[in-house]
């Protein structure tokens, strides 16, 4: 357990026990004191003392609602949750042409959300400044300010080294390539920041609030301009040694296929990424067609668009079947803009996964994202990432306790 210098009364109550209480509420949501005592294996008397102190500090308060179906001892009293005023966390997600921000309280309830467009060729400094301004605007919209923030989860494209926060990747023209995003965003925001690949943030969001809830071994696939995957094994996010896990779009399905700018040949993104889909439809839909136009055409029953999407789904399904044979997930969640085509894409993916994967179909399912898999989902994942660090990042704990004491002074 971490320790934090947050005042005499907390130390008197044994910091590790107080942090255990916060851990449980962060993981399970509002809880009765009796349930906290049972899960923490701490006496009710001690839990009562600890929670009374946390309530007095403004960190915990009585929950405003009681989840249905929770059977607890009637003597347990009211449920406790993080106080709405205990602090805020934020998620920032940057993609090629958009930045999305989400601000929540410590129970994950949204306080404000905003987004802005950004130039596809804007450099990392411009993007960092725009993200900072957007975050401040969202905090103001939610009735708060920067000093209310305990931490921020930030999603960026590319391979992000978990040890140093530097963004890498095969595509050196990406705006953040070679930049220590953790350091740069930390200097701008002045709060603890946690940098993650944006598709992995979408994976976290699906696991916490979407189609991946309750799944121990989850594979999330984002299909848009690129194709990428996120993996949760035993609820632990897989990153790889240098943060490069999940570059699904650059898996080759044809070693004699067209050259990809990553240096390989026949990458799946050249067949099923949005640019490839659009390119195949320009002859019938015009040279200025966008992916939004393609989705509209599919919804209207355009057979050419349907055929191209179905072929992309078939190729993706065969590749995902091989991934299932390697990793054996219990659920694949499909998101991203292209997934909004619906059954015309998802059905051939599902059919080919079930045909070629060794896993029995009864032990595997393929479902659409419940969150859409867009930049907004990545911003939500950023808040989930920050919340997951609440009791393990010493700086966040210090801001939680010191901020709560200051707010009640």
Protein backbone atom coordinates (compact mmCIF):
# COMPACT_ATOMS: atom_id res chain seq x y z
CA UNK A 1 0.00 0.00 0.00
CA UNK A 2 1.06 3.59 -0.54
CA UNK A 3 1.46 6.07 2.26
CA UNK A 4 0.75 9.76 2.14
CA UNK A 5 1.53 12.63 4.45
CA UNK A 6 -2.00 13.97 4.69
CA UNK A 7 -2.52 15.01 8.28
CA UNK A 8 -2.36 13.50 11.73
CA UNK A 9 -5.81 11.94 11.96
CA UNK A 10 -5.33 9.90 8.78
CA UNK A 11 -1.99 8.58 10.04
CA UNK A 12 -3.60 7.74 13.38
CA UNK A 13 -6.16 5.59 11.53
CA UNK A 14 -3.43 3.66 9.74
CA UNK A 15 -3.13 4.97 6.22
CA UNK A 16 -3.09 1.54 4.64
CA UNK A 17 -6.57 0.72 6.00
CA UNK A 18 -7.96 4.05 4.81
CA UNK A 19 -6.52 3.43 1.34
CA UNK A 20 -8.06 -0.07 1.35
CA UNK A 21 -11.46 1.50 1.98
CA UNK A 22 -10.96 3.91 -0.92
CA UNK A 23 -9.77 1.03 -3.12
CA UNK A 24 -12.96 -0.91 -2.49
CA UNK A 25 -15.28 2.00 -3.19
CA UNK A 26 -13.32 2.91 -6.34
CA UNK A 27 -13.61 -0.69 -7.58
CA UNK A 28 -17.14 -1.63 -6.52
CA UNK A 29 -19.01 1.68 -6.23
CA UNK A 30 -21.17 2.75 -3.26
CA UNK A 31 -20.87 0.31 -0.36
CA UNK A 32 -22.26 -0.22 3.13
CA UNK A 33 -19.82 -0.15 6.02
CA UNK A 34 -20.55 -3.80 6.76
CA UNK A 35 -19.69 -4.79 3.22
CA UNK A 36 -16.48 -2.73 3.36
CA UNK A 37 -15.52 -4.46 6.59
CA UNK A 38 -16.21 -7.90 5.12
CA UNK A 39 -14.24 -7.32 1.92
CA UNK A 40 -11.36 -5.55 3.68
CA UNK A 41 -11.28 -8.09 6.51
CA UNK A 42 -11.21 -5.28 9.01
CA UNK A 43 -13.48 -5.03 12.05
CA UNK A 44 -16.65 -2.98 11.77
CA UNK A 45 -15.50 -0.79 14.63
CA UNK A 46 -12.28 0.09 12.80
CA UNK A 47 -14.16 0.67 9.54
CA UNK A 48 -16.60 2.96 11.31
CA UNK A 49 -13.70 5.01 12.67
CA UNK A 50 -11.93 5.18 9.30
CA UNK A 51 -15.03 6.09 7.32
CA UNK A 52 -16.10 8.71 9.86
CA UNK A 53 -12.74 10.41 9.38
CA UNK A 54 -13.01 10.20 5.59
CA UNK A 55 -16.51 11.68 5.73
CA UNK A 56 -15.32 14.49 8.01
CA UNK A 57 -12.55 15.24 5.54
CA UNK A 58 -15.08 15.55 2.71
CA UNK A 59 -13.65 12.56 0.82
CA UNK A 60 -16.62 10.23 1.37
CA UNK A 61 -20.31 10.97 1.79
CA UNK A 62 -23.61 9.10 1.81
CA UNK A 63 -24.48 7.75 -1.61
CA UNK A 64 -27.38 9.50 -3.30
CA UNK A 65 -28.85 6.24 -4.62
CA UNK A 66 -28.95 2.60 -3.56
CA UNK A 67 -28.22 -0.07 -6.22
CA UNK A 68 -31.03 -2.57 -6.60
CA UNK A 69 -30.57 -6.18 -5.61
CA UNK A 70 -27.79 -5.60 -3.08
CA UNK A 71 -28.43 -7.80 -0.06
CA UNK A 72 -26.61 -6.55 3.04
CA UNK A 73 -27.06 -6.55 6.79
CA UNK A 74 -29.84 -4.17 7.75
CA UNK A 75 -27.63 -2.74 10.50
CA UNK A 76 -25.06 -1.66 7.92
CA UNK A 77 -26.47 1.82 7.54
CA UNK A 78 -26.31 4.01 4.48
CA UNK A 79 -23.97 3.36 1.61
CA UNK A 80 -20.84 5.44 1.24
CA UNK A 81 -19.38 6.83 -1.96
CA UNK A 82 -16.81 9.41 -2.93
CA UNK A 83 -18.13 12.87 -2.21
CA UNK A 84 -19.11 14.79 -5.37
CA UNK A 85 -16.79 17.57 -4.17
CA UNK A 86 -13.80 15.36 -3.30
CA UNK A 87 -12.13 16.03 -6.63
CA UNK A 88 -12.29 15.55 -10.38
CA UNK A 89 -10.47 13.45 -12.94
CA UNK A 90 -10.34 14.06 -16.67
CA UNK A 91 -9.77 12.15 -19.87
CA UNK A 92 -8.31 13.72 -23.01
CA UNK A 93 -8.26 11.86 -26.31
CA UNK A 94 -6.53 13.09 -29.45
CA UNK A 95 -7.04 11.63 -32.90
CA UNK A 96 -6.01 12.97 -36.28
CA UNK A 97 -8.57 15.77 -36.50
CA UNK A 98 -10.35 15.94 -33.13
CA UNK A 99 -9.71 16.35 -29.44
CA UNK A 100 -12.28 15.15 -26.91
CA UNK A 101 -12.34 15.88 -23.19
CA UNK A 102 -14.43 14.31 -20.43
CA UNK A 103 -14.47 15.37 -16.78
CA UNK A 104 -15.99 13.18 -14.05
CA UNK A 105 -16.23 13.03 -10.30
CA UNK A 106 -14.49 10.20 -8.43
CA UNK A 107 -17.47 7.87 -8.91
CA UNK A 108 -17.14 8.21 -12.68
CA UNK A 109 -20.21 10.41 -13.07
CA UNK A 110 -19.79 12.84 -15.95
CA UNK A 111 -19.47 16.48 -14.98
CA UNK A 112 -18.73 17.93 -18.42
CA UNK A 113 -17.66 16.85 -21.89
CA UNK A 114 -16.41 18.92 -24.81
CA UNK A 115 -14.65 18.45 -28.12
CA UNK A 116 -12.95 20.54 -30.79
CA UNK A 117 -11.59 20.01 -34.28
CA UNK A 118 -7.90 20.31 -35.02
CA UNK A 119 -5.88 20.39 -38.20
CA UNK A 120 -4.64 17.00 -39.35
CA UNK A 121 -1.17 18.46 -39.90
CA UNK A 122 -0.95 20.47 -36.67
CA UNK A 123 2.20 19.70 -34.66
CA UNK A 124 2.30 18.33 -31.13
CA UNK A 125 2.70 21.75 -29.49
CA UNK A 126 -0.45 23.04 -31.14
CA UNK A 127 -2.29 19.89 -30.09
CA UNK A 128 -1.01 20.09 -26.51
CA UNK A 129 -2.07 23.73 -26.19
CA UNK A 130 -5.49 23.02 -27.72
CA UNK A 131 -6.04 20.10 -25.36
CA UNK A 132 -5.11 22.22 -22.35
CA UNK A 133 -7.49 25.00 -23.37
CA UNK A 134 -10.29 22.53 -24.01
CA UNK A 135 -9.77 20.89 -20.62
CA UNK A 136 -9.95 24.25 -18.85
CA UNK A 137 -13.14 25.07 -20.74
CA UNK A 138 -14.68 21.74 -19.75
CA UNK A 139 -13.72 22.25 -16.10
CA UNK A 140 -15.31 25.71 -16.16
CA UNK A 141 -18.41 24.28 -17.81
CA UNK A 142 -18.68 21.77 -14.96
CA UNK A 143 -18.32 24.48 -12.33
CA UNK A 144 -14.72 23.71 -11.40
CA UNK A 145 -11.14 24.67 -12.12
CA UNK A 146 -7.70 23.12 -12.60
CA UNK A 147 -7.06 22.91 -8.84
CA UNK A 148 -9.98 20.46 -8.55
CA UNK A 149 -8.17 17.93 -10.76
CA UNK A 150 -6.50 14.93 -9.18
CA UNK A 151 -5.23 13.38 -12.41
CA UNK A 152 -5.71 13.16 -16.17
CA UNK A 153 -5.62 10.15 -18.51
CA UNK A 154 -4.51 11.13 -22.01
CA UNK A 155 -4.91 9.09 -25.17
CA UNK A 156 -2.63 9.56 -28.19
CA UNK A 157 -2.03 7.61 -31.40
CA UNK A 158 1.15 5.58 -31.56
CA UNK A 159 3.21 3.26 -29.42
CA UNK A 160 3.71 4.78 -25.97
CA UNK A 161 6.55 3.44 -23.89
CA UNK A 162 5.03 2.80 -20.43
CA UNK A 163 8.39 3.33 -18.71
CA UNK A 164 9.16 6.83 -19.99
CA UNK A 165 6.02 8.20 -21.70
CA UNK A 166 7.74 8.73 -25.06
CA UNK A 167 5.59 8.21 -28.15
CA UNK A 168 7.11 5.91 -30.77
CA UNK A 169 5.76 4.02 -33.76
CA UNK A 170 6.50 2.83 -37.24
CA UNK A 171 5.02 6.00 -38.73
CA UNK A 172 7.47 8.77 -37.88
CA UNK A 173 5.25 11.49 -39.35
CA UNK A 174 2.74 11.21 -36.51
CA UNK A 175 2.58 14.55 -34.62
CA UNK A 176 3.69 13.16 -31.25
CA UNK A 177 6.42 10.84 -32.57
CA UNK A 178 9.55 11.01 -30.40
CA UNK A 179 7.99 13.37 -27.83
CA UNK A 180 7.81 12.66 -24.11
CA UNK A 181 4.09 13.31 -23.88
CA UNK A 182 3.96 12.60 -20.14
CA UNK A 183 6.48 15.33 -19.40
CA UNK A 184 5.08 17.89 -21.84
CA UNK A 185 1.45 17.50 -20.79
CA UNK A 186 2.44 17.32 -17.13
CA UNK A 187 4.20 20.71 -17.42
CA UNK A 188 1.14 22.27 -19.03
CA UNK A 189 -1.46 20.82 -16.67
CA UNK A 190 0.44 20.77 -13.38
CA UNK A 191 -1.30 17.56 -12.27
CA UNK A 192 -0.44 13.85 -12.51
CA UNK A 193 -0.90 12.66 -16.10
CA UNK A 194 -1.07 9.12 -17.46
CA UNK A 195 -0.38 8.64 -21.17
CA UNK A 196 -1.85 5.73 -23.09
CA UNK A 197 -2.52 4.67 -26.66
CA UNK A 198 -6.01 5.90 -27.51
CA UNK A 199 -7.34 2.53 -28.66
CA UNK A 200 -6.25 1.01 -25.37
CA UNK A 201 -8.21 3.77 -23.64
CA UNK A 202 -11.26 2.75 -25.67
CA UNK A 203 -10.64 -0.82 -24.49
CA UNK A 204 -10.64 0.35 -20.87
CA UNK A 205 -13.86 2.28 -21.44
CA UNK A 206 -15.62 -0.72 -23.00
CA UNK A 207 -14.50 -2.89 -20.09
CA UNK A 208 -15.79 -0.44 -17.50
CA UNK A 209 -18.93 0.98 -19.09
CA UNK A 210 -19.57 -0.81 -22.40
CA UNK A 211 -19.79 -4.20 -24.08
CA UNK A 212 -16.78 -5.57 -22.20
CA UNK A 213 -18.23 -5.31 -18.70
CA UNK A 214 -17.49 -8.38 -16.63
CA UNK A 215 -15.26 -9.99 -19.28
CA UNK A 216 -11.96 -11.37 -18.00
CA UNK A 217 -10.29 -11.87 -21.39
CA UNK A 218 -11.34 -9.17 -23.81
CA UNK A 219 -10.20 -8.15 -27.27
CA UNK A 220 -11.31 -4.76 -28.56
CA UNK A 221 -10.86 -3.82 -32.22
CA UNK A 222 -11.13 -0.29 -33.59
CA UNK A 223 -11.76 -0.11 -37.34
CA UNK A 224 -11.47 3.39 -38.76
CA UNK A 225 -8.73 5.15 -40.72
CA UNK A 226 -6.38 2.65 -39.10
CA UNK A 227 -7.04 -0.70 -37.46
CA UNK A 228 -5.86 -1.36 -33.93
CA UNK A 229 -6.65 -3.63 -31.01
CA UNK A 230 -6.60 -3.54 -27.24
CA UNK A 231 -6.37 -6.55 -24.94
CA UNK A 232 -7.43 -7.18 -21.36
CA UNK A 233 -6.14 -10.45 -19.93
CA UNK A 234 -7.49 -11.28 -16.51
CA UNK A 235 -8.65 -7.63 -16.40
CA UNK A 236 -5.02 -6.45 -16.87
CA UNK A 237 -4.34 -4.21 -19.86
CA UNK A 238 -1.69 -5.63 -22.19
CA UNK A 239 0.77 -3.09 -23.62
CA UNK A 240 3.83 -5.06 -24.71
CA UNK A 241 7.44 -4.36 -23.79
CA UNK A 242 7.54 -0.90 -25.41
CA UNK A 243 3.83 -0.12 -25.56
CA UNK A 244 3.45 -1.44 -29.09
CA UNK A 245 0.92 -4.20 -28.49
CA UNK A 246 -2.20 -4.03 -30.65
CA UNK A 247 -0.89 -2.72 -34.01
CA UNK A 248 -3.36 -4.96 -35.78
CA UNK A 249 -3.55 -2.83 -38.91
CA UNK A 250 0.05 -3.66 -39.76
CA UNK A 251 -0.33 -7.40 -39.60
CA UNK A 252 0.36 -8.67 -43.12
CA UNK A 253 -2.30 -10.85 -44.72
CA UNK A 254 -0.51 -11.01 -48.10
CA UNK A 255 3.29 -10.96 -48.23
CA UNK A 256 3.06 -10.25 -51.97
CA UNK A 257 0.48 -7.51 -51.51
CA UNK A 258 0.83 -3.76 -51.94
CA UNK A 259 3.55 -1.89 -50.05
CA UNK A 260 2.50 -0.17 -46.84
CA UNK A 261 4.15 3.00 -45.60
CA UNK A 262 5.09 1.13 -42.42
CA UNK A 263 7.58 -0.88 -44.52
CA UNK A 264 5.62 -4.14 -44.72
CA UNK A 265 3.55 -5.49 -47.59
CA UNK A 266 -0.07 -6.54 -47.64
CA UNK A 267 -1.05 -5.06 -44.27
CA UNK A 268 -4.73 -5.51 -43.39
CA UNK A 269 -5.18 -1.73 -43.18
CA UNK A 270 -4.53 -1.58 -46.95
CA UNK A 271 -7.63 -3.71 -47.49
CA UNK A 272 -10.00 -2.84 -44.65
CA UNK A 273 -8.97 0.59 -43.36
CA UNK A 274 -11.22 3.53 -44.19
CA UNK A 275 -8.89 4.96 -46.90
CA UNK A 276 -8.87 1.58 -48.67
CA UNK A 277 -12.66 1.30 -48.50
CA UNK A 278 -13.09 4.84 -49.79
CA UNK A 279 -10.60 4.25 -52.62
CA UNK A 280 -12.56 1.25 -53.85
CA UNK A 281 -15.77 3.27 -53.96
CA UNK A 282 -14.58 6.45 -55.69
CA UNK A 283 -15.44 5.06 -59.12
CA UNK A 284 -19.10 4.66 -58.17
CA UNK A 285 -19.51 7.36 -55.52
CA UNK A 286 -17.17 10.11 -56.71
CA UNK A 287 -13.70 11.34 -55.87
CA UNK A 288 -14.71 13.42 -52.83
CA UNK A 289 -16.46 10.59 -50.99
CA UNK A 290 -15.87 10.35 -47.22
CA UNK A 291 -16.42 7.52 -44.76
CA UNK A 292 -19.55 9.30 -43.58
CA UNK A 293 -20.82 9.16 -47.17
CA UNK A 294 -20.04 5.44 -47.30
CA UNK A 295 -21.98 4.78 -44.11
CA UNK A 296 -24.91 6.80 -45.42
CA UNK A 297 -24.83 4.78 -48.65
CA UNK A 298 -24.83 1.51 -46.71
CA UNK A 299 -27.83 2.66 -44.68
CA UNK A 300 -29.62 3.47 -47.94
CA UNK A 301 -28.93 0.00 -49.37
CA UNK A 302 -26.19 0.95 -51.85
CA UNK A 303 -25.02 -2.47 -53.08
CA UNK A 304 -21.53 -1.35 -54.05
CA UNK A 305 -20.91 0.07 -50.58
CA UNK A 306 -22.41 -3.02 -48.95
CA UNK A 307 -20.19 -5.34 -50.99
CA UNK A 308 -17.00 -3.44 -50.16
CA UNK A 309 -17.83 -3.39 -46.44
CA UNK A 310 -18.74 -7.08 -46.47
CA UNK A 311 -15.45 -7.99 -48.15
CA UNK A 312 -13.57 -5.94 -45.56
CA UNK A 313 -15.47 -7.77 -42.82
CA UNK A 314 -14.54 -11.14 -44.31
CA UNK A 315 -10.83 -10.33 -44.34
CA UNK A 316 -10.97 -8.92 -40.85
CA UNK A 317 -12.87 -11.95 -39.58
CA UNK A 318 -10.22 -14.33 -40.88
CA UNK A 319 -7.45 -12.29 -39.28
CA UNK A 320 -9.33 -12.07 -35.98
CA UNK A 321 -9.83 -15.85 -36.04
CA UNK A 322 -6.06 -16.23 -36.13
CA UNK A 323 -5.79 -13.80 -33.21
CA UNK A 324 -8.31 -15.92 -31.33
CA UNK A 325 -6.20 -19.02 -31.95
CA UNK A 326 -3.22 -17.17 -30.53
CA UNK A 327 -4.82 -15.34 -27.58
CA UNK A 328 -8.13 -17.13 -26.87
CA UNK A 329 -10.31 -14.16 -25.81
CA UNK A 330 -13.86 -14.78 -24.64
CA UNK A 331 -15.27 -11.70 -26.35
CA UNK A 332 -14.33 -9.47 -29.27
CA UNK A 333 -15.82 -5.98 -29.21
CA UNK A 334 -15.77 -4.14 -32.54
CA UNK A 335 -15.78 -0.33 -32.55
CA UNK A 336 -14.55 2.63 -34.56
CA UNK A 337 -16.25 4.69 -37.27
CA UNK A 338 -16.37 1.87 -39.82
CA UNK A 339 -18.17 -0.37 -37.32
CA UNK A 340 -21.15 2.02 -37.55
CA UNK A 341 -21.98 0.21 -40.80
CA UNK A 342 -23.58 -2.38 -38.53
CA UNK A 343 -24.50 -5.89 -39.59
CA UNK A 344 -23.12 -5.54 -43.11
CA UNK A 345 -19.64 -5.46 -41.57
CA UNK A 346 -20.18 -7.30 -38.29
CA UNK A 347 -21.92 -10.36 -39.72
CA UNK A 348 -19.04 -11.44 -42.02
CA UNK A 349 -16.56 -10.72 -39.20
CA UNK A 350 -18.55 -12.95 -36.87
CA UNK A 351 -19.10 -15.65 -39.50
CA UNK A 352 -15.39 -15.93 -40.33
CA UNK A 353 -14.26 -15.80 -36.72
CA UNK A 354 -16.55 -18.70 -35.87
CA UNK A 355 -15.53 -20.61 -39.01
CA UNK A 356 -11.77 -20.39 -38.54
CA UNK A 357 -11.18 -19.95 -34.80
CA UNK A 358 -10.50 -23.11 -32.79
CA UNK A 359 -12.48 -21.75 -29.85
CA UNK A 360 -16.01 -23.23 -29.78
CA UNK A 361 -18.56 -20.59 -30.76
CA UNK A 362 -20.35 -21.17 -27.46
CA UNK A 363 -17.26 -19.89 -25.64
CA UNK A 364 -16.68 -16.82 -27.82
CA UNK A 365 -18.82 -13.94 -28.99
CA UNK A 366 -18.31 -11.01 -31.33
CA UNK A 367 -20.34 -7.90 -30.51
CA UNK A 368 -20.57 -4.27 -31.50
CA UNK A 369 -19.20 -1.57 -29.22
CA UNK A 370 -21.75 -0.04 -26.88
CA UNK A 371 -19.77 3.22 -26.82
CA UNK A 372 -19.21 3.58 -30.56
CA UNK A 373 -15.44 3.39 -30.32
CA UNK A 374 -14.93 7.02 -31.33
CA UNK A 375 -12.77 9.70 -29.72
CA UNK A 376 -15.43 10.21 -27.05
CA UNK A 377 -14.95 6.62 -25.90
CA UNK A 378 -11.21 7.24 -25.62
CA UNK A 379 -11.84 10.29 -23.45
CA UNK A 380 -14.08 8.18 -21.22
CA UNK A 381 -11.29 5.61 -21.04
CA UNK A 382 -8.94 8.39 -19.97
CA UNK A 383 -11.11 9.12 -16.95
CA UNK A 384 -11.26 5.39 -16.15
CA UNK A 385 -7.46 5.20 -16.36
CA UNK A 386 -7.05 8.17 -14.01
CA UNK A 387 -9.58 6.71 -11.57
CA UNK A 388 -7.68 3.41 -11.54
CA UNK A 389 -4.56 5.28 -10.35
CA UNK A 390 -6.28 7.07 -7.48
CA UNK A 391 -4.86 4.96 -4.65
CA UNK A 392 -1.60 3.88 -6.29
CA UNK A 393 -0.24 7.24 -7.48
CA UNK A 394 1.13 9.10 -4.42
CA UNK A 395 0.60 12.51 -6.03
CA UNK A 396 -3.07 11.77 -6.62
CA UNK A 397 -3.52 10.68 -3.01
CA UNK A 398 -1.83 13.83 -1.78
CA UNK A 399 -4.07 15.99 -3.95
CA UNK A 400 -7.13 14.04 -2.78
CA UNK A 401 -6.42 14.47 0.93
CA UNK A 402 -4.91 17.93 0.82
CA UNK A 403 -7.57 19.20 -1.56
CA UNK A 404 -10.36 17.77 0.55
CA UNK A 405 -8.91 19.34 3.71
CA UNK A 406 -8.49 22.71 1.95
CA UNK A 407 -12.05 22.60 0.62
CA UNK A 408 -13.38 22.16 4.16
CA UNK A 409 -11.04 24.66 5.83
